[in-house]
Amino acid sequence: MLRKLLLSVSVFYTIALIIVTFINLNGVPSLGSSFDDKIYHFLAYAGLSGLWITYFKTSKKRCKLWFVFVIIVLFGVLLEVLQHQLNQNRTYDTYDLLANCFGVIIGALIAARIDIIKLK
């Protein structure tokens, strides 16, 4: 039950992140800093990696978590490059990419430390 819920939430979150990557986000609330966009990128990818790492930790086969980590980083790179190609109002930003990567690292570290079985 928990595994199916984690998969559903992870897939939904991934699809939502893809959609948000390609649409114009003019009405996003400001956090009051000059690097709000980087904070949003960091949080989005921390959540993404946290969800997927947690999901794969519940697998009986216990795939290598570093592999999941690498796939999520590559996914972030792909989306960052494609958003510039597919939406003329969005641009490629290396700092966004770095924020994505740091988010993946922190999300993966947190998820790796949480013992989902004990949370039941």
N, C-alpha and C. Protein backbone atom coordinates (compact mmCIF):
# COMPACT_ATOMS: atom_id res chain seq x y z
N MET A 1 0.82 -1.20 0.00
CA MET A 1 0.00 0.00 0.00
C MET A 1 0.87 1.26 0.00
N LEU A 2 1.83 1.31 0.93
CA LEU A 2 2.72 2.47 1.02
C LEU A 2 3.54 2.62 -0.26
N ARG A 3 3.99 1.51 -0.80
CA ARG A 3 4.79 1.54 -2.02
C ARG A 3 3.99 2.09 -3.20
N LYS A 4 2.73 1.68 -3.33
CA LYS A 4 1.88 2.17 -4.41
C LYS A 4 1.61 3.67 -4.24
N LEU A 5 1.41 4.09 -3.01
CA LEU A 5 1.19 5.52 -2.74
C LEU A 5 2.43 6.33 -3.09
N LEU A 6 3.59 5.83 -2.68
CA LEU A 6 4.84 6.53 -3.01
C LEU A 6 5.06 6.63 -4.51
N LEU A 7 4.75 5.55 -5.23
CA LEU A 7 4.89 5.57 -6.68
C LEU A 7 3.94 6.59 -7.30
N SER A 8 2.69 6.59 -6.86
CA SER A 8 1.71 7.54 -7.40
C SER A 8 2.12 8.98 -7.15
N VAL A 9 2.55 9.27 -5.94
CA VAL A 9 2.97 10.63 -5.60
C VAL A 9 4.22 11.02 -6.38
N SER A 10 5.16 10.10 -6.52
CA SER A 10 6.40 10.38 -7.26
C SER A 10 6.13 10.67 -8.73
N VAL A 11 5.27 9.86 -9.33
CA VAL A 11 4.93 10.07 -10.75
C VAL A 11 4.19 11.38 -10.93
N PHE A 12 3.21 11.65 -10.07
CA PHE A 12 2.46 12.90 -10.15
C PHE A 12 3.39 14.11 -9.99
N TYR A 13 4.28 14.06 -9.02
CA TYR A 13 5.22 15.15 -8.77
C TYR A 13 6.14 15.36 -9.99
N THR A 14 6.60 14.27 -10.58
CA THR A 14 7.48 14.35 -11.75
C THR A 14 6.75 15.00 -12.92
N ILE A 15 5.52 14.59 -13.16
CA ILE A 15 4.74 15.17 -14.25
C ILE A 15 4.48 16.65 -13.99
N ALA A 16 4.14 16.99 -12.75
CA ALA A 16 3.92 18.40 -12.39
C ALA A 16 5.18 19.22 -12.61
N LEU A 17 6.32 18.67 -12.25
CA LEU A 17 7.59 19.38 -12.44
C LEU A 17 7.88 19.60 -13.92
N ILE A 18 7.59 18.60 -14.74
CA ILE A 18 7.78 18.74 -16.18
C ILE A 18 6.89 19.86 -16.72
N ILE A 19 5.64 19.87 -16.32
CA ILE A 19 4.71 20.90 -16.79
C ILE A 19 5.17 22.29 -16.35
N VAL A 20 5.53 22.42 -15.09
CA VAL A 20 5.97 23.72 -14.57
C VAL A 20 7.25 24.19 -15.26
N THR A 21 8.09 23.25 -15.67
CA THR A 21 9.33 23.61 -16.36
C THR A 21 9.06 24.31 -17.69
N PHE A 22 7.98 23.94 -18.35
CA PHE A 22 7.74 24.44 -19.70
C PHE A 22 6.70 25.54 -19.82
N ILE A 23 6.07 25.93 -18.73
CA ILE A 23 5.07 27.00 -18.81
C ILE A 23 5.67 28.30 -18.29
N ASN A 24 5.00 29.40 -18.60
CA ASN A 24 5.43 30.70 -18.09
C ASN A 24 4.95 30.86 -16.66
N LEU A 25 5.84 31.27 -15.79
CA LEU A 25 5.53 31.39 -14.37
C LEU A 25 5.65 32.85 -13.94
N ASN A 26 4.72 33.65 -14.38
CA ASN A 26 4.79 35.08 -14.06
C ASN A 26 4.25 35.41 -12.68
N GLY A 27 3.34 34.61 -12.15
CA GLY A 27 2.68 34.95 -10.90
C GLY A 27 3.23 34.22 -9.68
N VAL A 28 4.45 33.72 -9.76
CA VAL A 28 5.04 32.99 -8.63
C VAL A 28 5.35 33.98 -7.51
N PRO A 29 4.93 33.67 -6.28
CA PRO A 29 5.18 34.60 -5.18
C PRO A 29 6.67 34.81 -4.93
N SER A 30 7.01 36.02 -4.56
CA SER A 30 8.41 36.35 -4.27
C SER A 30 8.74 35.98 -2.83
N LEU A 31 9.94 35.49 -2.64
CA LEU A 31 10.42 35.18 -1.29
C LEU A 31 11.18 36.36 -0.70
N GLY A 32 11.35 37.41 -1.51
CA GLY A 32 12.02 38.61 -1.03
C GLY A 32 13.52 38.60 -1.20
N SER A 33 14.03 37.67 -2.00
CA SER A 33 15.48 37.65 -2.24
C SER A 33 15.74 37.79 -3.73
N SER A 34 16.97 38.01 -4.06
CA SER A 34 17.33 38.17 -5.47
C SER A 34 17.53 36.82 -6.16
N PHE A 35 17.49 35.75 -5.40
CA PHE A 35 17.68 34.43 -6.01
C PHE A 35 16.52 33.49 -5.69
N ASP A 36 15.31 34.04 -5.72
CA ASP A 36 14.09 33.24 -5.49
C ASP A 36 14.02 32.03 -6.43
N ASP A 37 14.34 32.26 -7.70
CA ASP A 37 14.26 31.21 -8.70
C ASP A 37 15.16 30.03 -8.32
N LYS A 38 16.33 30.32 -7.82
CA LYS A 38 17.27 29.25 -7.43
C LYS A 38 16.73 28.47 -6.23
N ILE A 39 16.08 29.16 -5.30
CA ILE A 39 15.48 28.49 -4.14
C ILE A 39 14.38 27.55 -4.60
N TYR A 40 13.55 28.01 -5.54
CA TYR A 40 12.48 27.17 -6.07
C TYR A 40 13.05 25.93 -6.78
N HIS A 41 14.11 26.13 -7.55
CA HIS A 41 14.75 25.00 -8.23
C HIS A 41 15.28 24.01 -7.20
N PHE A 42 15.96 24.51 -6.19
CA PHE A 42 16.53 23.67 -5.15
C PHE A 42 15.44 22.84 -4.47
N LEU A 43 14.38 23.50 -4.05
CA LEU A 43 13.30 22.82 -3.34
C LEU A 43 12.59 21.80 -4.23
N ALA A 44 12.36 22.17 -5.50
CA ALA A 44 11.67 21.26 -6.42
C ALA A 44 12.46 19.97 -6.62
N TYR A 45 13.76 20.08 -6.79
CA TYR A 45 14.57 18.89 -7.05
C TYR A 45 14.92 18.14 -5.77
N ALA A 46 14.93 18.82 -4.64
CA ALA A 46 15.08 18.11 -3.36
C ALA A 46 13.86 17.23 -3.14
N GLY A 47 12.68 17.78 -3.44
CA GLY A 47 11.44 16.99 -3.32
C GLY A 47 11.42 15.83 -4.29
N LEU A 48 11.84 16.09 -5.52
CA LEU A 48 11.84 15.04 -6.55
C LEU A 48 12.75 13.88 -6.14
N SER A 49 13.97 14.20 -5.75
CA SER A 49 14.89 13.12 -5.39
C SER A 49 14.45 12.44 -4.10
N GLY A 50 13.94 13.22 -3.16
CA GLY A 50 13.46 12.62 -1.92
C GLY A 50 12.36 11.61 -2.16
N LEU A 51 11.42 11.96 -3.01
CA LEU A 51 10.33 11.03 -3.32
C LEU A 51 10.81 9.76 -4.00
N TRP A 52 11.62 9.91 -5.05
CA TRP A 52 12.05 8.73 -5.80
C TRP A 52 13.01 7.86 -5.00
N ILE A 53 13.92 8.46 -4.24
CA ILE A 53 14.83 7.66 -3.42
C ILE A 53 14.02 6.89 -2.37
N THR A 54 13.05 7.56 -1.75
CA THR A 54 12.21 6.89 -0.76
C THR A 54 11.44 5.74 -1.40
N TYR A 55 10.90 5.97 -2.59
CA TYR A 55 10.17 4.92 -3.29
C TYR A 55 11.07 3.71 -3.54
N PHE A 56 12.25 3.95 -4.08
CA PHE A 56 13.13 2.83 -4.42
C PHE A 56 13.71 2.15 -3.18
N LYS A 57 13.75 2.85 -2.07
CA LYS A 57 14.19 2.20 -0.83
C LYS A 57 13.20 1.15 -0.37
N THR A 58 11.94 1.29 -0.74
CA THR A 58 10.92 0.32 -0.32
C THR A 58 10.89 -0.91 -1.22
N SER A 59 11.66 -0.90 -2.29
CA SER A 59 11.67 -2.01 -3.23
C SER A 59 12.34 -3.23 -2.60
N LYS A 60 11.79 -4.39 -2.90
CA LYS A 60 12.38 -5.63 -2.41
C LYS A 60 13.73 -5.89 -3.07
N LYS A 61 13.88 -5.41 -4.29
CA LYS A 61 15.13 -5.62 -5.02
C LYS A 61 16.23 -4.65 -4.59
N ARG A 62 15.84 -3.57 -3.94
CA ARG A 62 16.79 -2.57 -3.43
C ARG A 62 17.82 -2.16 -4.49
N CYS A 63 17.37 -1.47 -5.50
CA CYS A 63 18.28 -1.00 -6.54
C CYS A 63 19.29 -0.04 -5.92
N LYS A 64 20.33 0.19 -6.61
CA LYS A 64 21.37 1.08 -6.12
C LYS A 64 20.85 2.52 -6.12
N LEU A 65 20.86 3.15 -4.97
CA LEU A 65 20.33 4.50 -4.85
C LEU A 65 21.16 5.52 -5.61
N TRP A 66 22.44 5.26 -5.80
CA TRP A 66 23.26 6.19 -6.57
C TRP A 66 22.79 6.24 -8.02
N PHE A 67 22.27 5.11 -8.53
CA PHE A 67 21.76 5.07 -9.90
C PHE A 67 20.53 5.98 -10.03
N VAL A 68 19.63 5.92 -9.05
CA VAL A 68 18.46 6.78 -9.03
C VAL A 68 18.90 8.24 -8.96
N PHE A 69 19.89 8.52 -8.13
CA PHE A 69 20.45 9.86 -7.98
C PHE A 69 20.95 10.38 -9.33
N VAL A 70 21.73 9.59 -10.04
CA VAL A 70 22.28 10.01 -11.33
C VAL A 70 21.17 10.25 -12.35
N ILE A 71 20.17 9.39 -12.37
CA ILE A 71 19.04 9.56 -13.31
C ILE A 71 18.32 10.87 -13.04
N ILE A 72 18.11 11.22 -11.78
CA ILE A 72 17.40 12.46 -11.44
C ILE A 72 18.24 13.67 -11.83
N VAL A 73 19.55 13.61 -11.63
CA VAL A 73 20.42 14.71 -12.05
C VAL A 73 20.35 14.88 -13.57
N LEU A 74 20.43 13.78 -14.30
CA LEU A 74 20.35 13.85 -15.77
C LEU A 74 18.98 14.36 -16.22
N PHE A 75 17.94 13.98 -15.53
CA PHE A 75 16.59 14.46 -15.81
C PHE A 75 16.54 15.99 -15.65
N GLY A 76 17.15 16.51 -14.59
CA GLY A 76 17.20 17.95 -14.36
C GLY A 76 17.97 18.68 -15.45
N VAL A 77 19.07 18.10 -15.87
CA VAL A 77 19.86 18.69 -16.95
C VAL A 77 19.04 18.72 -18.24
N LEU A 78 18.41 17.61 -18.55
CA LEU A 78 17.59 17.52 -19.76
C LEU A 78 16.48 18.56 -19.76
N LEU A 79 15.76 18.68 -18.65
CA LEU A 79 14.67 19.66 -18.59
C LEU A 79 15.19 21.08 -18.71
N GLU A 80 16.31 21.37 -18.09
CA GLU A 80 16.87 22.73 -18.15
C GLU A 80 17.26 23.09 -19.58
N VAL A 81 17.83 22.15 -20.31
CA VAL A 81 18.22 22.40 -21.70
C VAL A 81 16.98 22.49 -22.60
N LEU A 82 16.04 21.58 -22.41
CA LEU A 82 14.84 21.56 -23.26
C LEU A 82 13.93 22.77 -23.06
N GLN A 83 13.88 23.30 -21.85
CA GLN A 83 12.97 24.43 -21.62
C GLN A 83 13.36 25.62 -22.49
N HIS A 84 14.62 25.81 -22.72
CA HIS A 84 15.07 26.90 -23.58
C HIS A 84 14.71 26.62 -25.04
N GLN A 85 14.79 25.35 -25.43
CA GLN A 85 14.50 24.98 -26.81
C GLN A 85 13.01 25.03 -27.14
N LEU A 86 12.16 24.69 -26.16
CA LEU A 86 10.73 24.55 -26.41
C LEU A 86 9.88 25.76 -26.01
N ASN A 87 10.42 26.64 -25.19
CA ASN A 87 9.66 27.80 -24.74
C ASN A 87 10.56 29.02 -24.85
N GLN A 88 10.24 29.92 -25.75
CA GLN A 88 11.09 31.08 -25.98
C GLN A 88 11.11 32.05 -24.80
N ASN A 89 10.14 31.93 -23.90
CA ASN A 89 10.10 32.79 -22.72
C ASN A 89 10.94 32.24 -21.57
N ARG A 90 11.44 31.03 -21.70
CA ARG A 90 12.27 30.42 -20.67
C ARG A 90 13.69 30.32 -21.22
N THR A 91 14.66 30.45 -20.35
CA THR A 91 16.06 30.42 -20.77
C THR A 91 16.85 29.38 -19.99
N TYR A 92 17.94 28.96 -20.58
CA TYR A 92 18.87 28.07 -19.90
C TYR A 92 19.67 28.91 -18.90
N ASP A 93 19.85 28.39 -17.71
CA ASP A 93 20.63 29.09 -16.69
C ASP A 93 21.47 28.05 -15.94
N THR A 94 22.78 28.20 -16.01
CA THR A 94 23.68 27.28 -15.33
C THR A 94 23.45 27.27 -13.83
N TYR A 95 23.09 28.42 -13.27
CA TYR A 95 22.83 28.48 -11.83
C TYR A 95 21.55 27.73 -11.45
N ASP A 96 20.58 27.71 -12.34
CA ASP A 96 19.39 26.89 -12.12
C ASP A 96 19.79 25.41 -12.09
N LEU A 97 20.65 25.04 -13.01
CA LEU A 97 21.13 23.67 -13.09
C LEU A 97 21.88 23.28 -11.81
N LEU A 98 22.71 24.19 -11.31
CA LEU A 98 23.43 23.93 -10.06
C LEU A 98 22.46 23.81 -8.89
N ALA A 99 21.45 24.67 -8.86
CA ALA A 99 20.44 24.59 -7.79
C ALA A 99 19.71 23.25 -7.87
N ASN A 100 19.40 22.80 -9.08
CA ASN A 100 18.77 21.48 -9.26
C ASN A 100 19.66 20.39 -8.66
N CYS A 101 20.94 20.43 -9.00
CA CYS A 101 21.88 19.39 -8.54
C CYS A 101 22.03 19.42 -7.02
N PHE A 102 22.16 20.59 -6.43
CA PHE A 102 22.27 20.68 -4.97
C PHE A 102 20.98 20.19 -4.32
N GLY A 103 19.84 20.49 -4.92
CA GLY A 103 18.57 20.00 -4.41
C GLY A 103 18.50 18.48 -4.44
N VAL A 104 18.96 17.90 -5.54
CA VAL A 104 18.97 16.44 -5.67
C VAL A 104 19.86 15.83 -4.58
N ILE A 105 21.02 16.43 -4.35
CA ILE A 105 21.94 15.92 -3.34
C ILE A 105 21.29 15.95 -1.95
N ILE A 106 20.75 17.10 -1.58
CA ILE A 106 20.15 17.24 -0.24
C ILE A 106 18.92 16.34 -0.10
N GLY A 107 18.07 16.32 -1.10
CA GLY A 107 16.89 15.46 -1.05
C GLY A 107 17.26 13.99 -0.93
N ALA A 108 18.29 13.57 -1.67
CA ALA A 108 18.73 12.18 -1.63
C ALA A 108 19.33 11.85 -0.26
N LEU A 109 20.11 12.76 0.29
CA LEU A 109 20.72 12.52 1.60
C LEU A 109 19.65 12.40 2.68
N ILE A 110 18.67 13.27 2.64
CA ILE A 110 17.59 13.21 3.63
C ILE A 110 16.79 11.92 3.47
N ALA A 111 16.43 11.59 2.23
CA ALA A 111 15.65 10.38 1.98
C ALA A 111 16.43 9.13 2.36
N ALA A 112 17.73 9.13 2.13
CA ALA A 112 18.55 7.97 2.46
C ALA A 112 18.61 7.76 3.97
N ARG A 113 18.48 8.82 4.72
CA ARG A 113 18.56 8.74 6.20
C ARG A 113 17.22 8.38 6.85
N ILE A 114 16.12 8.61 6.16
CA ILE A 114 14.81 8.33 6.73
C ILE A 114 14.51 6.85 6.55
N ASP A 115 14.16 6.21 7.64
CA ASP A 115 13.80 4.79 7.56
C ASP A 115 12.29 4.71 7.45
N ILE A 116 11.80 4.53 6.22
CA ILE A 116 10.36 4.56 5.93
C ILE A 116 9.63 3.42 6.66
N ILE A 117 10.29 2.33 6.89
CA ILE A 117 9.64 1.21 7.56
C ILE A 117 9.28 1.58 9.00
N LYS A 118 10.12 2.34 9.66
CA LYS A 118 9.86 2.75 11.05
C LYS A 118 8.76 3.80 11.13
N LEU A 119 8.48 4.47 10.01
CA LEU A 119 7.45 5.51 10.01
C LEU A 119 6.04 4.93 9.94
N LYS A 120 5.90 3.67 9.62
CA LYS A 120 4.58 3.03 9.49
C LYS A 120 3.85 3.00 10.80
